[in-house]
Amino acid sequence: MKNLRNLFRLAVLLFAGLCNISNARAQACIASATPVSFGLYDPKTSSPNDITGSVSVTCQATVALLVAYTVKLNGGSSGNIAARKMIVSGSQLSYQIYTDATRTTVWGDGSGGTTYQVGGYLLSVLVPVTQTYTAYGRIPALQNVYAGSYQDTLTILVSY
């Protein structure tokens, strides 16, 4: 019976050691996004142009316990999260990306009143875990801009 207890203790210690090793091992997380297209913008309409897109984060490890991460967006070509702009031939079209459907919380890096997404999972064994976050975009109405194909690129930063 004493040997059985020692064997049980050894098994528990090995499992605890395995858990510590898995937490110390590098997690692999990647982000991907669906390209967001606002479509045609009419500078004379009094309604904002709203769209949705998505950002997906996939994390994988051999064995993972308690993986947590943040998903942040930069300011794009304007360099200013609070005042994102799409640009063509010197003309700028303001837009914003939000974390909520009411479009009140700017998705950024936590600076200047912006917020970011927080995600994670408790346990994963050999299977990648993917979580998808909705990005709510808006171009404010009545912007006097030139005709053209406006674009901007945002960088997604996943920290874990």
C-alpha atoms as a PDB file:
ATOM      1  CA  MET A   1       0.000   0.000   0.000  1.00  0.00           C
ATOM      2  CA  LYS A   2       2.896   2.370   0.794  1.00  0.00           C
ATOM      3  CA  ASN A   3       4.365   1.796  -2.705  1.00  0.00           C
ATOM      4  CA  LEU A   4       0.978   2.549  -4.243  1.00  0.00           C
ATOM      5  CA  ARG A   5       0.824   5.873  -2.332  1.00  0.00           C
ATOM      6  CA  ASN A   6       4.333   6.778  -3.481  1.00  0.00           C
ATOM      7  CA  LEU A   7       3.430   5.881  -7.058  1.00  0.00           C
ATOM      8  CA  PHE A   8       0.366   8.144  -6.795  1.00  0.00           C
ATOM      9  CA  ARG A   9       2.531  10.969  -5.419  1.00  0.00           C
ATOM     10  CA  LEU A  10       5.024  10.455  -8.233  1.00  0.00           C
ATOM     11  CA  ALA A  11       2.230  10.590 -10.811  1.00  0.00           C
ATOM     12  CA  VAL A  12       0.889  13.818  -9.285  1.00  0.00           C
ATOM     13  CA  LEU A  13       4.367  15.358  -9.276  1.00  0.00           C
ATOM     14  CA  LEU A  14       4.939  14.342 -12.890  1.00  0.00           C
ATOM     15  CA  PHE A  15       1.599  15.862 -13.880  1.00  0.00           C
ATOM     16  CA  ALA A  16       2.398  19.047 -11.968  1.00  0.00           C
ATOM     17  CA  GLY A  17       5.806  19.136 -13.650  1.00  0.00           C
ATOM     18  CA  LEU A  18       4.184  18.627 -17.048  1.00  0.00           C
ATOM     19  CA  CYS A  19       1.822  21.524 -16.367  1.00  0.00           C
ATOM     20  CA  ASN A  20       4.702  23.787 -15.401  1.00  0.00           C
ATOM     21  CA  ILE A  21       6.638  22.812 -18.508  1.00  0.00           C
ATOM     22  CA  SER A  22       3.643  23.451 -20.751  1.00  0.00           C
ATOM     23  CA  ASN A  23       3.092  26.896 -19.266  1.00  0.00           C
ATOM     24  CA  ALA A  24       6.759  27.716 -19.808  1.00  0.00           C
ATOM     25  CA  ARG A  25       6.677  26.578 -23.438  1.00  0.00           C
ATOM     26  CA  ALA A  26       5.998  29.189 -26.076  1.00  0.00           C
ATOM     27  CA  GLN A  27       2.428  29.510 -27.184  1.00  0.00           C
ATOM     28  CA  ALA A  28       1.866  30.168 -30.848  1.00  0.00           C
ATOM     29  CA  CYS A  29      -0.884  32.709 -31.542  1.00  0.00           C
ATOM     30  CA  ILE A  30      -1.672  34.264 -34.889  1.00  0.00           C
ATOM     31  CA  ALA A  31      -4.216  36.870 -35.926  1.00  0.00           C
ATOM     32  CA  SER A  32      -6.082  37.189 -39.185  1.00  0.00           C
ATOM     33  CA  ALA A  33      -8.735  39.600 -40.365  1.00  0.00           C
ATOM     34  CA  THR A  34     -11.318  39.728 -43.097  1.00  0.00           C
ATOM     35  CA  PRO A  35     -10.639  42.750 -45.304  1.00  0.00           C
ATOM     36  CA  VAL A  36     -13.162  45.441 -44.481  1.00  0.00           C
ATOM     37  CA  SER A  37     -14.743  47.369 -47.331  1.00  0.00           C
ATOM     38  CA  PHE A  38     -16.988  50.344 -46.641  1.00  0.00           C
ATOM     39  CA  GLY A  39     -18.194  50.294 -50.230  1.00  0.00           C
ATOM     40  CA  LEU A  40     -19.351  53.521 -51.870  1.00  0.00           C
ATOM     41  CA  TYR A  41     -19.367  56.642 -49.713  1.00  0.00           C
ATOM     42  CA  ASP A  42     -21.678  59.532 -50.552  1.00  0.00           C
ATOM     43  CA  PRO A  43     -20.345  62.740 -48.976  1.00  0.00           C
ATOM     44  CA  LYS A  44     -23.803  64.337 -49.237  1.00  0.00           C
ATOM     45  CA  THR A  45     -25.731  61.755 -47.226  1.00  0.00           C
ATOM     46  CA  SER A  46     -26.522  62.591 -43.606  1.00  0.00           C
ATOM     47  CA  SER A  47     -26.134  58.984 -42.409  1.00  0.00           C
ATOM     48  CA  PRO A  48     -22.815  57.427 -41.418  1.00  0.00           C
ATOM     49  CA  ASN A  49     -21.508  54.509 -43.452  1.00  0.00           C
ATOM     50  CA  ASP A  50     -21.377  51.480 -41.099  1.00  0.00           C
ATOM     51  CA  ILE A  51     -19.865  48.054 -41.744  1.00  0.00           C
ATOM     52  CA  THR A  52     -18.613  45.065 -39.774  1.00  0.00           C
ATOM     53  CA  GLY A  53     -15.536  42.922 -40.143  1.00  0.00           C
ATOM     54  CA  SER A  54     -13.792  40.387 -37.973  1.00  0.00           C
ATOM     55  CA  VAL A  55     -10.470  39.630 -36.374  1.00  0.00           C
ATOM     56  CA  SER A  56      -9.695  36.010 -35.495  1.00  0.00           C
ATOM     57  CA  VAL A  57      -7.017  34.863 -33.081  1.00  0.00           C
ATOM     58  CA  THR A  58      -5.837  31.253 -33.187  1.00  0.00           C
ATOM     59  CA  CYS A  59      -3.556  29.913 -30.459  1.00  0.00           C
ATOM     60  CA  GLN A  60      -1.962  26.495 -30.293  1.00  0.00           C
ATOM     61  CA  ALA A  61       0.382  24.615 -28.010  1.00  0.00           C
ATOM     62  CA  THR A  62       0.996  20.948 -27.326  1.00  0.00           C
ATOM     63  CA  VAL A  63      -0.600  21.307 -23.898  1.00  0.00           C
ATOM     64  CA  ALA A  64      -1.747  24.686 -22.626  1.00  0.00           C
ATOM     65  CA  LEU A  65      -3.299  25.730 -19.354  1.00  0.00           C
ATOM     66  CA  LEU A  66      -4.656  29.225 -18.937  1.00  0.00           C
ATOM     67  CA  VAL A  67      -3.633  31.133 -22.035  1.00  0.00           C
ATOM     68  CA  ALA A  68      -4.532  34.828 -21.961  1.00  0.00           C
ATOM     69  CA  TYR A  69      -3.909  37.444 -24.642  1.00  0.00           C
ATOM     70  CA  THR A  70      -4.856  40.930 -25.784  1.00  0.00           C
ATOM     71  CA  VAL A  71      -5.756  42.065 -29.300  1.00  0.00           C
ATOM     72  CA  LYS A  72      -4.835  45.661 -30.108  1.00  0.00           C
ATOM     73  CA  LEU A  73      -5.106  47.794 -33.270  1.00  0.00           C
ATOM     74  CA  ASN A  74      -2.800  50.648 -34.217  1.00  0.00           C
ATOM     75  CA  GLY A  75      -3.712  54.018 -35.745  1.00  0.00           C
ATOM     76  CA  GLY A  76      -3.059  53.054 -39.349  1.00  0.00           C
ATOM     77  CA  SER A  77      -1.406  55.521 -41.703  1.00  0.00           C
ATOM     78  CA  SER A  78      -2.533  58.506 -39.621  1.00  0.00           C
ATOM     79  CA  GLY A  79      -0.629  57.140 -36.625  1.00  0.00           C
ATOM     80  CA  ASN A  80      -3.478  58.350 -34.426  1.00  0.00           C
ATOM     81  CA  ILE A  81      -5.904  55.750 -33.087  1.00  0.00           C
ATOM     82  CA  ALA A  82      -8.443  58.402 -32.088  1.00  0.00           C
ATOM     83  CA  ALA A  83      -8.388  59.961 -35.580  1.00  0.00           C
ATOM     84  CA  ARG A  84      -7.938  57.199 -38.151  1.00  0.00           C
ATOM     85  CA  LYS A  85      -7.941  58.322 -41.763  1.00  0.00           C
ATOM     86  CA  MET A  86      -8.028  56.717 -45.181  1.00  0.00           C
ATOM     87  CA  ILE A  87      -6.000  58.634 -47.726  1.00  0.00           C
ATOM     88  CA  VAL A  88      -5.966  59.095 -51.504  1.00  0.00           C
ATOM     89  CA  SER A  89      -4.086  61.826 -53.415  1.00  0.00           C
ATOM     90  CA  GLY A  90      -3.797  64.072 -50.364  1.00  0.00           C
ATOM     91  CA  SER A  91      -7.487  63.829 -49.466  1.00  0.00           C
ATOM     92  CA  GLN A  92      -8.338  62.240 -46.117  1.00  0.00           C
ATOM     93  CA  LEU A  93     -11.509  60.383 -45.175  1.00  0.00           C
ATOM     94  CA  SER A  94     -12.024  59.922 -41.427  1.00  0.00           C
ATOM     95  CA  TYR A  95     -13.208  56.550 -40.142  1.00  0.00           C
ATOM     96  CA  GLN A  96     -13.117  54.538 -36.957  1.00  0.00           C
ATOM     97  CA  ILE A  97     -13.131  50.920 -35.764  1.00  0.00           C
ATOM     98  CA  TYR A  98     -15.048  50.039 -32.599  1.00  0.00           C
ATOM     99  CA  THR A  99     -15.380  47.026 -30.302  1.00  0.00           C
ATOM    100  CA  ASP A 100     -19.140  47.426 -29.810  1.00  0.00           C
ATOM    101  CA  ALA A 101     -22.185  47.518 -32.074  1.00  0.00           C
ATOM    102  CA  THR A 102     -23.229  50.941 -30.733  1.00  0.00           C
ATOM    103  CA  ARG A 103     -19.887  52.260 -32.015  1.00  0.00           C
ATOM    104  CA  THR A 104     -18.960  54.086 -28.839  1.00  0.00           C
ATOM    105  CA  THR A 105     -15.779  52.249 -27.759  1.00  0.00           C
ATOM    106  CA  VAL A 106     -12.791  52.761 -30.065  1.00  0.00           C
ATOM    107  CA  TRP A 107     -10.686  49.635 -30.650  1.00  0.00           C
ATOM    108  CA  GLY A 108      -7.092  50.660 -30.103  1.00  0.00           C
ATOM    109  CA  ASP A 109      -4.250  49.906 -27.719  1.00  0.00           C
ATOM    110  CA  GLY A 110      -5.665  51.212 -24.444  1.00  0.00           C
ATOM    111  CA  SER A 111      -4.236  54.709 -24.824  1.00  0.00           C
ATOM    112  CA  GLY A 112      -6.244  57.926 -25.083  1.00  0.00           C
ATOM    113  CA  GLY A 113      -9.541  56.370 -23.967  1.00  0.00           C
ATOM    114  CA  THR A 114      -9.375  53.487 -26.444  1.00  0.00           C
ATOM    115  CA  THR A 115      -9.830  49.875 -25.451  1.00  0.00           C
ATOM    116  CA  TYR A 116      -8.697  46.506 -26.752  1.00  0.00           C
ATOM    117  CA  GLN A 117     -10.025  42.969 -26.805  1.00  0.00           C
ATOM    118  CA  VAL A 118      -9.008  40.515 -24.100  1.00  0.00           C
ATOM    119  CA  GLY A 119      -9.248  36.808 -24.782  1.00  0.00           C
ATOM    120  CA  GLY A 120      -7.964  33.452 -23.770  1.00  0.00           C
ATOM    121  CA  TYR A 121      -8.861  29.924 -22.873  1.00  0.00           C
ATOM    122  CA  LEU A 122      -8.444  27.573 -19.956  1.00  0.00           C
ATOM    123  CA  LEU A 123      -7.251  24.278 -21.422  1.00  0.00           C
ATOM    124  CA  SER A 124      -6.139  23.001 -24.809  1.00  0.00           C
ATOM    125  CA  VAL A 125      -4.462  19.736 -25.759  1.00  0.00           C
ATOM    126  CA  LEU A 126      -3.118  19.489 -29.336  1.00  0.00           C
ATOM    127  CA  VAL A 127      -6.110  21.365 -30.783  1.00  0.00           C
ATOM    128  CA  PRO A 128      -5.849  25.019 -31.863  1.00  0.00           C
ATOM    129  CA  VAL A 129      -8.317  27.380 -30.230  1.00  0.00           C
ATOM    130  CA  THR A 130      -9.795  30.191 -32.353  1.00  0.00           C
ATOM    131  CA  GLN A 131     -11.781  33.152 -31.110  1.00  0.00           C
ATOM    132  CA  THR A 132     -13.318  35.719 -33.425  1.00  0.00           C
ATOM    133  CA  TYR A 133     -13.966  39.353 -32.536  1.00  0.00           C
ATOM    134  CA  THR A 134     -16.284  41.631 -34.497  1.00  0.00           C
ATOM    135  CA  ALA A 135     -14.863  44.941 -35.687  1.00  0.00           C
ATOM    136  CA  TYR A 136     -17.523  47.630 -36.102  1.00  0.00           C
ATOM    137  CA  GLY A 137     -16.488  50.269 -38.629  1.00  0.00           C
ATOM    138  CA  ARG A 138     -17.930  53.691 -39.287  1.00  0.00           C
ATOM    139  CA  ILE A 139     -17.283  56.555 -41.684  1.00  0.00           C
ATOM    140  CA  PRO A 140     -18.932  59.680 -40.248  1.00  0.00           C
ATOM    141  CA  ALA A 141     -21.398  61.464 -42.519  1.00  0.00           C
ATOM    142  CA  LEU A 142     -20.959  64.679 -44.486  1.00  0.00           C
ATOM    143  CA  GLN A 143     -17.219  64.621 -45.112  1.00  0.00           C
ATOM    144  CA  ASN A 144     -16.198  66.811 -48.041  1.00  0.00           C
ATOM    145  CA  VAL A 145     -13.653  64.598 -49.845  1.00  0.00           C
ATOM    146  CA  TYR A 146     -12.447  63.971 -53.384  1.00  0.00           C
ATOM    147  CA  ALA A 147     -13.665  60.959 -55.344  1.00  0.00           C
ATOM    148  CA  GLY A 148     -11.302  58.013 -55.248  1.00  0.00           C
ATOM    149  CA  SER A 149     -10.444  54.661 -53.688  1.00  0.00           C
ATOM    150  CA  TYR A 150      -9.528  55.420 -50.094  1.00  0.00           C
ATOM    151  CA  GLN A 151      -7.645  52.858 -48.070  1.00  0.00           C
ATOM    152  CA  ASP A 152      -5.748  52.331 -44.858  1.00  0.00           C
ATOM    153  CA  THR A 153      -3.973  49.414 -43.216  1.00  0.00           C
ATOM    154  CA  LEU A 154      -4.218  48.652 -39.516  1.00  0.00           C
ATOM    155  CA  THR A 155      -1.762  46.432 -37.702  1.00  0.00           C
ATOM    156  CA  ILE A 156      -3.124  43.817 -35.296  1.00  0.00           C
ATOM    157  CA  LEU A 157      -0.956  43.187 -32.233  1.00  0.00           C
ATOM    158  CA  VAL A 158      -1.631  40.016 -30.229  1.00  0.00           C
ATOM    159  CA  SER A 159       0.239  39.907 -26.930  1.00  0.00           C
ATOM    160  CA  TYR A 160       0.304  36.707 -24.853  1.00  0.00           C
END
